[in-house]
């Protein structure tokens, strides 16, 4: 299962999975996960997929560059 971290609240992470936001308790999320990360569920713990997170960041950067180009 894969998702994107929408935001971090006091006791939980909001992770978008298939277009639906889910509140995931902090204990079920790796300490290294941050907002905007693409995460995957591995052995009951959500962990960052670094490759997909970087690809997503580059795609967003390119879209922003295209929008703001003169």
Protein backbone atom coordinates (compact mmCIF):
# COMPACT_ATOMS: atom_id res chain seq x y z
CA UNK A 1 0.00 0.00 0.00
CA UNK A 2 1.28 3.47 -0.90
CA UNK A 3 0.30 7.01 0.11
CA UNK A 4 1.44 10.62 0.41
CA UNK A 5 1.82 12.44 3.72
CA UNK A 6 -0.55 15.41 3.57
CA UNK A 7 0.28 16.78 7.01
CA UNK A 8 1.42 15.90 10.50
CA UNK A 9 -0.87 16.55 13.45
CA UNK A 10 -0.10 16.24 17.15
CA UNK A 11 -0.74 12.50 17.54
CA UNK A 12 -1.14 11.31 13.98
CA UNK A 13 -0.12 11.66 10.35
CA UNK A 14 -2.69 12.40 7.65
CA UNK A 15 -1.81 10.13 4.73
CA UNK A 16 -3.64 10.30 1.40
CA UNK A 17 -4.22 6.81 0.04
CA UNK A 18 -6.03 6.45 -3.29
CA UNK A 19 -7.41 10.00 -2.97
CA UNK A 20 -8.78 9.51 0.55
CA UNK A 21 -7.17 11.00 3.69
CA UNK A 22 -6.53 8.62 6.59
CA UNK A 23 -5.45 9.50 10.12
CA UNK A 24 -2.55 7.20 11.00
CA UNK A 25 -1.25 7.09 14.60
CA UNK A 26 2.35 8.32 15.01
CA UNK A 27 3.38 4.92 16.38
CA UNK A 28 2.65 3.40 12.96
CA UNK A 29 4.89 5.86 11.08
CA UNK A 30 8.70 5.84 10.89
CA UNK A 31 10.49 8.69 12.69
CA UNK A 32 12.05 9.84 9.40
CA UNK A 33 8.78 10.50 7.54
CA UNK A 34 7.92 14.15 6.82
CA UNK A 35 5.17 16.10 5.05
CA UNK A 36 5.06 15.52 1.31
CA UNK A 37 6.83 12.14 1.45
CA UNK A 38 5.59 9.22 -0.59
CA UNK A 39 5.25 6.41 1.93
CA UNK A 40 4.70 2.66 1.81
CA UNK A 41 3.39 0.28 4.44
CA UNK A 42 6.12 -2.22 5.35
CA UNK A 43 5.58 -4.71 8.17
CA UNK A 44 2.88 -2.48 9.71
CA UNK A 45 5.00 0.71 9.66
CA UNK A 46 4.74 3.55 7.12
CA UNK A 47 8.20 4.35 5.71
CA UNK A 48 9.43 6.85 3.13
CA UNK A 49 10.04 5.60 -0.39
CA UNK A 50 12.95 7.92 -1.16
CA UNK A 51 12.98 7.22 -4.90
CA UNK A 52 9.27 7.99 -5.39
CA UNK A 53 9.46 11.00 -3.06
CA UNK A 54 12.32 12.48 -5.12
CA UNK A 55 10.55 11.76 -8.42
CA UNK A 56 7.39 13.46 -7.12
CA UNK A 57 9.39 16.49 -5.90
CA UNK A 58 11.07 16.84 -9.30
CA UNK A 59 7.73 16.58 -11.10
CA UNK A 60 6.19 19.27 -8.88
CA UNK A 61 9.24 21.50 -9.36
CA UNK A 62 8.96 21.13 -13.14
CA UNK A 63 5.25 21.96 -13.08
CA UNK A 64 5.89 25.06 -10.96
CA UNK A 65 8.70 26.15 -13.28
CA UNK A 66 6.44 25.74 -16.32
CA UNK A 67 3.66 27.78 -14.68
CA UNK A 68 5.93 30.67 -13.71
CA UNK A 69 7.95 30.80 -16.93
CA UNK A 70 7.43 33.95 -19.01
